[in-house]
Amino acid sequence: MQHYIKSITTFFLFCCAATFSISAQRVYNPEGSPDPEYGTNGYAVSAGISELVAVGNVVLADGSVVLAYSNPLRTAMVVSKIQPGGHPKPTFGNEGYAVFDLPGDQIPIAAAVQPDGKLLVAGYSYEGNFFRSDFFLMRLNASGGLDPSFGSGGFAVLDFTPPGGTGVISNDRATVLAVRPDGKIVLGGVSDRYIDINVRSDSYFTFAQVSAGGALDNSFGSGGFVQIPIGANRVNGGVGTPDAYGTLDSSGRFTASVRVERQNPTVPDQYDPKVVLLRIRENGFLDADFLNGGAADFTQNQFPGSYILKEAMPCHLLVLAGQMLLRLNDDGSIDENFGNGGRVSLPQSNTFGSGIAVDAGGKIVVSATEFGTGSTGGSRGLLWRYWPNGAPDIKFGQNGRAVIDPGYRINFAIAGRFPGTYLLGLGGVPDFQQPRVLVLRLFSSRKR
């Protein structure tokens, strides 16, 4: 009997030791760390771009990433496609890069994909004068060529008559792009009006809807577009810098934001920042159930910072402004059940939020740029992940924060996510040399 018990005990101890040995050999990549199987050490690097020009991007269903940007001299526009593994797709354009030399200069700001898989790129087009620009929209086929069935040879320019009539200089900049389930395309952006190049008369937020063929949709707004006064003296954003953001929800409503600076009525030469939120219904007119009749201002004290982005959630809206993340109810009021009274402060100084994504589990990922702390003395990217209620997810990175510092001065923005990973877009200048844009893939959960 003693021999039997001894044998059983020995077998049990052997199993425990074997189990411990196997467990000890398992190596997990922490949540928020780069995926080394993507591109080169987690990064896919594009060709050089202009430092001043923003990058439109969209993540496709298979995990491919499409980027749209101008070349360093802005003499041509480039659309590139990166495969799910992080390398250029050789059958797209010329070895992954489609180059377009179109009339005038194009600043691509946004990209989207239609239900049939065709690609859309939007932004603004001008000819020699930054104060005279128009919305542009182009459509590409799967191989990266212009789709001749769209607009004029695949390219459409939208020139809106300003409310002030002829003789007023019109500066229209599309920065928001979305596709409805029926294939119709919604554009949004700021329209500035000038009496001359030195005197701004007023600013509007312009929504436009385009048919699948590239023409304005007359069933939307008035003649295919609607312009809502935002009364700005100055609109935040330079060449290639988005000054407005937006999202299309499942009800067909489009919510947009724009940060403006209004002249202080009592202090000369002082401009006070404000954020304007707007929502239109599917027909193009303001949603009277949202905020104050469909549009309202928020002061700097409520929404500090330079950027505001949003992403639709069921019956909620996420807003990122400066160092503050907020969640709004469907009517635009602050959701007191989120974070601390509806707000979550990014726990880092000298930081500005630049992107929001919500993963399949409802967790919220926020990206930001921290200035002057990167390995080259420039900027670095930071990521935080929060539970749906706004509480930090301490399993992500180090106590809820991941640091991204590839030696670049980073203009950081979330491009999208893919099952098991997060895809991020980074634009910056390595050691102050030629600007480049990168795509980084991070693990969203522990992986062996």
Protein backbone atom coordinates (compact mmCIF):
# COMPACT_ATOMS: atom_id res chain seq x y z
CA MET A 1 0.00 0.00 0.00
CA GLN A 2 2.82 2.35 0.87
CA HIS A 3 4.50 1.53 -2.43
CA TYR A 4 1.23 2.33 -4.27
CA ILE A 5 0.84 5.66 -2.48
CA LYS A 6 4.47 6.53 -3.21
CA SER A 7 3.98 5.77 -6.92
CA ILE A 8 0.87 7.92 -7.10
CA THR A 9 2.67 10.78 -5.30
CA THR A 10 5.64 10.55 -7.66
CA PHE A 11 3.34 10.60 -10.70
CA PHE A 12 1.46 13.63 -9.35
CA LEU A 13 4.67 15.57 -8.69
CA PHE A 14 5.93 14.69 -12.19
CA CYS A 15 2.72 16.03 -13.78
CA CYS A 16 2.94 19.25 -11.78
CA ALA A 17 6.59 19.75 -12.79
CA ALA A 18 5.78 19.08 -16.44
CA THR A 19 2.86 21.49 -16.35
CA PHE A 20 5.02 24.18 -14.73
CA SER A 21 7.76 23.62 -17.32
CA ILE A 22 5.33 24.00 -20.24
CA SER A 23 3.78 27.12 -18.70
CA ALA A 24 7.19 28.64 -18.09
CA GLN A 25 8.07 28.24 -21.76
CA ARG A 26 5.00 30.18 -22.96
CA VAL A 27 5.96 33.69 -23.99
CA TYR A 28 3.17 36.21 -24.48
CA ASN A 29 3.33 39.47 -26.37
CA PRO A 30 1.73 42.02 -24.05
CA GLU A 31 -1.39 43.87 -25.09
CA GLY A 32 -0.37 47.09 -26.81
CA SER A 33 2.99 45.82 -28.08
CA PRO A 34 3.95 45.86 -31.81
CA ASP A 35 3.14 42.75 -33.84
CA PRO A 36 6.56 41.67 -35.22
CA GLU A 37 4.92 39.72 -38.05
CA TYR A 38 3.55 42.93 -39.59
CA GLY A 39 5.81 44.72 -42.08
CA THR A 40 9.24 45.18 -40.47
CA ASN A 41 9.11 44.76 -36.69
CA GLY A 42 5.48 45.85 -36.67
CA TYR A 43 5.82 48.79 -39.04
CA ALA A 44 4.91 49.32 -42.69
CA VAL A 45 6.69 52.37 -44.14
CA SER A 46 5.43 54.35 -47.12
CA ALA A 47 7.32 56.53 -49.56
CA GLY A 48 8.17 60.10 -48.62
CA ILE A 49 5.38 62.63 -48.20
CA SER A 50 5.06 66.32 -47.49
CA GLU A 51 5.37 67.22 -43.82
CA LEU A 52 2.46 69.66 -44.11
CA VAL A 53 -0.05 67.38 -45.76
CA ALA A 54 -2.47 65.19 -43.86
CA VAL A 55 -2.98 61.56 -44.80
CA GLY A 56 -6.39 60.14 -45.66
CA ASN A 57 -6.67 56.50 -44.69
CA VAL A 58 -9.10 53.61 -44.56
CA VAL A 59 -8.78 50.02 -43.33
CA LEU A 60 -10.43 47.42 -45.55
CA ALA A 61 -12.28 44.30 -44.38
CA ASP A 62 -9.27 42.04 -44.98
CA GLY A 63 -6.92 44.24 -42.94
CA SER A 64 -5.37 46.07 -45.90
CA VAL A 65 -4.70 49.78 -45.41
CA VAL A 66 -5.16 52.45 -48.08
CA LEU A 67 -3.31 55.76 -47.67
CA ALA A 68 -3.78 58.93 -49.71
CA TYR A 69 -1.32 61.81 -49.58
CA SER A 70 0.49 64.40 -51.69
CA ASN A 71 4.12 63.96 -52.68
CA PRO A 72 6.76 66.23 -51.03
CA LEU A 73 6.32 69.04 -53.58
CA ARG A 74 2.55 68.54 -53.88
CA THR A 75 2.99 68.14 -57.65
CA ALA A 76 1.08 64.85 -57.61
CA MET A 77 -1.20 62.85 -55.36
CA VAL A 78 -0.34 59.33 -54.25
CA VAL A 79 -2.64 56.51 -53.14
CA SER A 80 -0.91 53.45 -51.73
CA LYS A 81 -2.25 50.10 -50.58
CA ILE A 82 -0.60 48.03 -47.86
CA GLN A 83 -1.47 44.34 -47.65
CA PRO A 84 -2.62 42.66 -44.40
CA GLY A 85 0.97 41.53 -43.79
CA GLY A 86 2.32 45.07 -43.90
CA HIS A 87 3.83 45.19 -47.40
CA PRO A 88 2.74 47.14 -50.52
CA LYS A 89 0.28 45.34 -52.78
CA PRO A 90 2.16 44.84 -56.09
CA THR A 91 -0.99 44.68 -58.24
CA PHE A 92 -2.19 48.09 -57.00
CA GLY A 93 -0.90 50.96 -59.13
CA ASN A 94 2.85 50.60 -59.63
CA GLU A 95 4.08 48.10 -57.03
CA GLY A 96 1.59 49.37 -54.46
CA TYR A 97 1.59 53.08 -55.33
CA ALA A 98 -0.83 54.86 -57.69
CA VAL A 99 0.34 58.36 -58.68
CA PHE A 100 -2.06 60.97 -60.09
CA ASP A 101 -0.98 64.15 -61.83
CA LEU A 102 -4.24 66.10 -61.95
CA PRO A 103 -4.98 69.74 -62.80
CA GLY A 104 -4.22 72.03 -59.87
CA ASP A 105 -3.03 70.85 -56.45
CA GLN A 106 -4.95 68.34 -54.35
CA ILE A 107 -4.78 67.97 -50.58
CA PRO A 108 -6.27 64.54 -49.71
CA ILE A 109 -7.71 64.44 -46.21
CA ALA A 110 -10.10 61.49 -46.06
CA ALA A 111 -10.58 58.05 -47.62
CA ALA A 112 -13.40 55.50 -47.58
CA VAL A 113 -14.48 52.29 -49.25
CA GLN A 114 -17.81 51.69 -50.99
CA PRO A 115 -19.93 48.55 -50.49
CA ASP A 116 -18.66 47.27 -53.88
CA GLY A 117 -15.03 47.66 -52.76
CA LYS A 118 -14.19 50.74 -54.84
CA LEU A 119 -12.06 53.35 -53.06
CA LEU A 120 -12.94 57.00 -52.47
CA VAL A 121 -10.53 59.83 -51.68
CA ALA A 122 -11.67 63.33 -50.72
CA GLY A 123 -10.09 66.64 -49.80
CA TYR A 124 -9.73 69.99 -51.47
CA SER A 125 -8.29 71.22 -54.72
CA TYR A 126 -6.84 74.63 -55.51
CA GLU A 127 -4.91 76.31 -58.30
CA GLY A 128 -2.12 78.58 -57.11
CA ASN A 129 -4.07 80.29 -54.32
CA PHE A 130 -4.87 78.75 -50.94
CA PHE A 131 -7.82 81.15 -50.63
CA ARG A 132 -9.61 79.67 -53.65
CA SER A 133 -10.31 75.99 -53.18
CA ASP A 134 -13.09 73.48 -53.79
CA PHE A 135 -14.11 70.08 -52.48
CA PHE A 136 -12.75 67.23 -54.57
CA LEU A 137 -13.74 63.58 -54.68
CA MET A 138 -12.17 60.76 -56.69
CA ARG A 139 -12.97 57.08 -57.08
CA LEU A 140 -10.51 54.28 -57.81
CA ASN A 141 -11.01 50.74 -58.97
CA ALA A 142 -9.37 47.71 -57.36
CA SER A 143 -6.17 48.08 -59.38
CA GLY A 144 -5.66 51.71 -58.32
CA GLY A 145 -6.81 53.37 -61.55
CA LEU A 146 -9.38 56.15 -61.79
CA ASP A 147 -12.94 54.86 -62.29
CA PRO A 148 -14.16 56.45 -65.56
CA SER A 149 -17.82 55.96 -64.58
CA PHE A 150 -17.44 58.48 -61.73
CA GLY A 151 -17.54 62.24 -62.20
CA SER A 152 -15.27 63.38 -65.02
CA GLY A 153 -12.91 60.49 -65.69
CA GLY A 154 -12.99 59.39 -62.04
CA PHE A 155 -12.59 62.86 -60.52
CA ALA A 156 -15.23 65.36 -59.34
CA VAL A 157 -14.76 68.96 -58.16
CA LEU A 158 -17.59 70.54 -56.14
CA ASP A 159 -17.71 74.32 -56.32
CA PHE A 160 -20.35 75.80 -54.01
CA THR A 161 -21.83 79.21 -54.69
CA PRO A 162 -21.27 81.25 -51.51
CA PRO A 163 -24.28 82.80 -49.78
CA GLY A 164 -22.69 86.23 -50.31
CA GLY A 165 -23.10 85.87 -54.06
CA THR A 166 -20.60 86.28 -56.86
CA GLY A 167 -17.47 88.30 -56.16
CA VAL A 168 -16.95 86.69 -52.75
CA ILE A 169 -13.85 84.51 -52.56
CA SER A 170 -14.79 80.94 -51.69
CA ASN A 171 -12.44 78.60 -49.80
CA ASP A 172 -14.07 75.16 -49.41
CA ARG A 173 -12.13 72.37 -47.68
CA ALA A 174 -13.57 68.85 -47.43
CA THR A 175 -12.19 66.91 -44.46
CA VAL A 176 -15.03 64.46 -43.72
CA LEU A 177 -16.10 61.54 -45.91
CA ALA A 178 -18.62 58.73 -45.37
CA VAL A 179 -20.54 56.25 -47.52
CA ARG A 180 -24.18 55.37 -46.93
CA PRO A 181 -25.38 51.76 -47.28
CA ASP A 182 -27.09 52.68 -50.58
CA GLY A 183 -23.77 53.90 -52.00
CA LYS A 184 -24.44 57.63 -51.74
CA ILE A 185 -21.47 59.64 -50.51
CA VAL A 186 -21.53 62.33 -47.82
CA LEU A 187 -18.86 65.03 -47.63
CA GLY A 188 -18.36 67.65 -44.97
CA GLY A 189 -15.99 70.54 -44.37
CA VAL A 190 -15.49 74.22 -43.72
CA SER A 191 -16.33 76.93 -46.25
CA ASP A 192 -14.70 80.29 -45.61
CA ARG A 193 -15.86 83.42 -47.41
CA TYR A 194 -13.63 86.42 -48.03
CA ILE A 195 -14.42 89.90 -49.27
CA ASP A 196 -10.79 89.92 -50.37
CA ILE A 197 -7.80 87.78 -49.38
CA ASN A 198 -7.24 89.89 -46.26
CA VAL A 199 -10.83 90.12 -44.98
CA ARG A 200 -12.80 87.03 -43.97
CA SER A 201 -16.53 87.72 -44.05
CA ASP A 202 -17.85 84.52 -42.44
CA SER A 203 -17.54 80.74 -42.24
CA TYR A 204 -19.95 77.89 -42.84
CA PHE A 205 -19.98 74.17 -42.36
CA THR A 206 -20.89 72.54 -45.66
CA PHE A 207 -22.52 69.13 -45.98
CA ALA A 208 -22.86 67.68 -49.48
CA GLN A 209 -24.22 64.40 -50.79
CA VAL A 210 -23.03 62.86 -54.03
CA SER A 211 -24.65 60.11 -56.06
CA ALA A 212 -22.84 56.91 -57.00
CA GLY A 213 -22.04 58.55 -60.35
CA GLY A 214 -20.33 61.58 -58.80
CA ALA A 215 -23.05 64.26 -59.23
CA LEU A 216 -24.66 66.24 -56.41
CA ASP A 217 -27.78 64.49 -55.10
CA ASN A 218 -30.72 66.90 -55.42
CA SER A 219 -32.74 65.00 -52.80
CA PHE A 220 -30.27 66.18 -50.16
CA GLY A 221 -30.46 69.67 -48.67
CA SER A 222 -30.90 72.33 -51.33
CA GLY A 223 -29.52 71.16 -54.66
CA GLY A 224 -27.34 68.49 -53.04
CA PHE A 225 -25.73 70.51 -50.25
CA VAL A 226 -26.47 72.57 -47.17
CA GLN A 227 -24.35 75.30 -45.54
CA ILE A 228 -24.70 76.10 -41.85
CA PRO A 229 -23.22 79.36 -40.47
CA ILE A 230 -20.60 78.81 -37.76
CA GLY A 231 -19.66 82.47 -37.44
CA ALA A 232 -15.92 81.91 -37.13
CA ASN A 233 -13.35 84.65 -37.33
CA ARG A 234 -10.66 81.99 -37.71
CA VAL A 235 -10.94 78.25 -38.26
CA ASN A 236 -8.28 76.03 -36.71
CA GLY A 237 -6.18 74.16 -39.26
CA GLY A 238 -3.59 74.94 -41.90
CA VAL A 239 -2.78 73.40 -45.26
CA GLY A 240 -3.60 69.72 -45.03
CA THR A 241 -4.73 69.96 -41.40
CA PRO A 242 -8.27 68.70 -40.80
CA ASP A 243 -10.33 71.42 -39.14
CA ALA A 244 -13.50 69.31 -38.97
CA TYR A 245 -14.38 65.72 -38.17
CA GLY A 246 -17.55 63.67 -38.43
CA THR A 247 -19.30 60.33 -38.23
CA LEU A 248 -22.30 58.70 -39.88
CA ASP A 249 -24.57 56.66 -37.59
CA SER A 250 -26.87 53.72 -38.31
CA SER A 251 -29.89 56.04 -38.49
CA GLY A 252 -28.40 57.95 -41.40
CA ARG A 253 -27.65 61.04 -39.32
CA PHE A 254 -24.30 62.75 -39.75
CA THR A 255 -22.64 64.42 -36.76
CA ALA A 256 -19.72 66.76 -37.30
CA SER A 257 -17.48 69.03 -35.27
CA VAL A 258 -15.29 71.99 -36.07
CA ARG A 259 -12.99 74.02 -33.83
CA VAL A 260 -13.17 77.76 -34.45
CA GLU A 261 -11.62 80.83 -32.88
CA ARG A 262 -13.86 83.81 -32.35
CA GLN A 263 -12.63 87.30 -31.70
CA ASN A 264 -13.02 88.33 -28.08
CA PRO A 265 -15.52 91.23 -27.97
CA THR A 266 -13.65 93.02 -25.16
CA VAL A 267 -9.98 92.15 -25.77
CA PRO A 268 -8.52 93.32 -29.10
CA ASP A 269 -6.50 90.75 -31.07
CA GLN A 270 -7.57 87.92 -28.76
CA TYR A 271 -9.34 84.90 -30.23
CA ASP A 272 -11.22 82.48 -27.99
CA PRO A 273 -11.39 78.82 -29.10
CA LYS A 274 -14.75 77.14 -29.36
CA VAL A 275 -15.99 73.83 -30.71
CA VAL A 276 -19.17 73.71 -32.79
CA LEU A 277 -21.09 70.44 -32.94
CA LEU A 278 -23.67 69.89 -35.69
CA ARG A 279 -25.95 67.04 -36.70
CA ILE A 280 -28.00 66.68 -39.87
CA ARG A 281 -30.68 64.17 -40.72
CA GLU A 282 -30.59 61.95 -43.79
CA ASN A 283 -32.32 64.65 -45.87
CA GLY A 284 -29.51 67.13 -45.16
CA PHE A 285 -31.27 69.42 -42.70
CA LEU A 286 -30.37 70.06 -39.07
CA ASP A 287 -31.58 67.56 -36.47
CA ALA A 288 -33.70 69.66 -34.10
CA ASP A 289 -33.46 66.97 -31.39
CA PHE A 290 -29.69 67.41 -31.09
CA LEU A 291 -28.37 70.13 -28.78
CA ASN A 292 -29.83 73.55 -29.52
CA GLY A 293 -31.76 72.90 -32.71
CA GLY A 294 -29.04 70.81 -34.33
CA ALA A 295 -25.94 72.94 -33.67
CA ALA A 296 -24.33 74.50 -30.62
CA ASP A 297 -21.08 76.03 -29.33
CA PHE A 298 -18.93 74.71 -26.53
CA THR A 299 -16.42 76.96 -24.77
CA GLN A 300 -12.78 76.16 -24.20
CA ASN A 301 -13.42 75.41 -20.54
CA GLN A 302 -15.74 72.58 -21.51
CA PHE A 303 -13.74 71.26 -24.47
CA PRO A 304 -10.07 72.27 -24.22
CA GLY A 305 -7.42 71.56 -26.80
CA SER A 306 -6.79 71.70 -30.50
CA TYR A 307 -8.42 68.55 -31.84
CA ILE A 308 -11.83 66.95 -31.60
CA LEU A 309 -12.77 63.62 -33.10
CA LYS A 310 -15.72 61.35 -32.62
CA GLU A 311 -16.88 57.85 -33.24
CA ALA A 312 -20.49 56.68 -33.13
CA MET A 313 -21.61 54.14 -30.53
CA PRO A 314 -25.15 52.88 -29.94
CA CYS A 315 -27.03 55.92 -28.57
CA HIS A 316 -23.75 57.60 -27.62
CA LEU A 317 -21.11 59.82 -29.14
CA LEU A 318 -17.46 59.90 -28.10
CA VAL A 319 -15.69 63.24 -28.27
CA LEU A 320 -11.95 63.74 -27.88
CA ALA A 321 -10.74 67.28 -27.33
CA GLY A 322 -7.22 68.11 -26.24
CA GLN A 323 -6.64 66.12 -23.06
CA MET A 324 -10.30 65.28 -22.48
CA LEU A 325 -12.45 62.33 -23.58
CA LEU A 326 -16.19 62.79 -23.22
CA ARG A 327 -19.25 60.71 -23.95
CA LEU A 328 -22.47 62.37 -25.05
CA ASN A 329 -25.97 61.01 -25.04
CA ASP A 330 -27.91 60.80 -28.28
CA ASP A 331 -29.38 64.28 -27.74
CA GLY A 332 -25.93 65.82 -27.23
CA SER A 333 -26.04 66.09 -23.44
CA ILE A 334 -23.09 64.79 -21.42
CA ASP A 335 -23.48 61.18 -20.23
CA GLU A 336 -22.91 61.35 -16.47
CA ASN A 337 -22.43 57.56 -16.27
CA PHE A 338 -19.15 57.71 -18.19
CA GLY A 339 -15.85 58.31 -16.40
CA ASN A 340 -16.02 61.16 -13.92
CA GLY A 341 -19.28 62.95 -14.65
CA GLY A 342 -19.08 62.13 -18.35
CA ARG A 343 -15.38 62.94 -18.73
CA VAL A 344 -12.03 61.14 -18.70
CA SER A 345 -8.83 63.20 -18.54
CA LEU A 346 -5.75 61.83 -20.31
CA PRO A 347 -3.19 61.35 -17.53
CA GLN A 348 -0.28 63.06 -19.25
CA SER A 349 0.87 66.66 -19.52
CA ASN A 350 1.89 68.31 -22.81
CA THR A 351 -0.36 65.87 -24.66
CA PHE A 352 -3.05 66.32 -27.29
CA GLY A 353 -5.47 63.57 -28.22
CA SER A 354 -5.55 62.64 -31.90
CA GLY A 355 -7.72 59.57 -32.39
CA ILE A 356 -10.45 57.30 -31.03
CA ALA A 357 -11.33 53.71 -31.86
CA VAL A 358 -13.80 51.30 -30.28
CA ASP A 359 -12.97 47.61 -30.57
CA ALA A 360 -15.38 44.69 -30.92
CA GLY A 361 -15.62 44.34 -27.14
CA GLY A 362 -16.59 47.98 -26.65
CA LYS A 363 -13.21 49.01 -25.23
CA ILE A 364 -12.11 52.52 -26.16
CA VAL A 365 -8.60 53.19 -27.48
CA VAL A 366 -7.35 56.77 -27.47
CA SER A 367 -4.20 57.93 -29.23
CA ALA A 368 -2.31 61.11 -28.46
CA THR A 369 0.92 62.90 -29.25
CA GLU A 370 3.24 63.91 -26.41
CA PHE A 371 5.59 66.68 -27.48
CA GLY A 372 9.31 66.89 -26.78
CA THR A 373 9.72 63.45 -25.19
CA GLY A 374 10.62 61.19 -28.12
CA SER A 375 13.94 59.42 -28.56
CA THR A 376 15.08 62.11 -31.04
CA GLY A 377 13.84 64.99 -28.91
CA GLY A 378 10.67 65.30 -30.94
CA SER A 379 7.26 63.77 -30.25
CA ARG A 380 6.13 60.28 -29.38
CA GLY A 381 2.79 58.53 -29.55
CA LEU A 382 0.80 57.40 -26.54
CA LEU A 383 -2.14 55.02 -26.37
CA TRP A 384 -4.62 54.50 -23.57
CA ARG A 385 -7.35 51.88 -23.42
CA TYR A 386 -10.52 52.25 -21.37
CA TRP A 387 -13.43 50.01 -20.51
CA PRO A 388 -16.81 51.07 -21.94
CA ASN A 389 -17.61 52.91 -18.69
CA GLY A 390 -14.44 55.02 -18.93
CA ALA A 391 -12.34 53.09 -16.38
CA PRO A 392 -8.69 52.44 -17.39
CA ASP A 393 -7.88 48.95 -18.68
CA ILE A 394 -4.69 48.21 -16.74
CA LYS A 395 -3.96 45.06 -18.77
CA PHE A 396 -3.12 47.21 -21.79
CA GLY A 397 0.53 48.28 -22.11
CA GLN A 398 1.82 49.47 -18.75
CA ASN A 399 -1.16 50.08 -16.47
CA GLY A 400 -3.37 51.03 -19.39
CA ARG A 401 -0.85 53.02 -21.45
CA ALA A 402 1.33 52.00 -24.40
CA VAL A 403 4.22 54.17 -25.64
CA ILE A 404 5.04 54.32 -29.35
CA ASP A 405 8.42 55.86 -30.11
CA PRO A 406 9.96 54.67 -33.40
CA GLY A 407 12.38 57.60 -33.58
CA TYR A 408 9.91 59.83 -35.41
CA ARG A 409 8.36 63.16 -34.69
CA ILE A 410 4.83 61.81 -34.77
CA ASN A 411 1.54 63.26 -35.86
CA PHE A 412 -0.39 60.36 -34.45
CA ALA A 413 -3.81 59.13 -35.53
CA ILE A 414 -5.71 55.88 -35.28
CA ALA A 415 -6.45 54.46 -38.72
CA GLY A 416 -8.61 51.53 -37.64
CA ARG A 417 -8.60 48.09 -36.09
CA PHE A 418 -8.60 44.49 -37.21
CA PRO A 419 -9.54 41.34 -35.20
CA GLY A 420 -6.85 40.68 -32.59
CA THR A 421 -4.89 43.83 -33.42
CA TYR A 422 -5.08 47.61 -33.69
CA LEU A 423 -3.86 49.36 -36.81
CA LEU A 424 -2.44 52.84 -36.33
CA GLY A 425 -1.28 55.52 -38.72
CA LEU A 426 1.80 57.58 -37.94
CA GLY A 427 3.19 60.51 -39.87
CA GLY A 428 6.42 62.18 -38.96
CA VAL A 429 9.96 63.15 -39.74
CA PRO A 430 12.81 60.79 -38.74
CA ASP A 431 15.64 62.90 -37.38
CA PHE A 432 14.27 65.89 -39.28
CA GLN A 433 14.91 64.24 -42.65
CA GLN A 434 12.40 63.27 -45.34
CA PRO A 435 8.86 63.01 -44.00
CA ARG A 436 7.23 59.59 -44.14
CA VAL A 437 4.02 57.91 -43.16
CA LEU A 438 3.90 54.59 -41.34
CA VAL A 439 1.33 52.01 -40.35
CA LEU A 440 1.85 50.17 -37.08
CA ARG A 441 0.02 47.06 -35.90
CA LEU A 442 -0.32 46.37 -32.19
CA PHE A 443 -1.71 43.39 -30.33
CA SER A 444 -5.10 44.11 -28.79
CA SER A 445 -4.87 41.00 -26.58
CA ARG A 446 -2.11 38.74 -25.30
CA LYS A 447 -0.74 36.47 -27.99
CA ARG A 448 1.81 33.68 -27.84
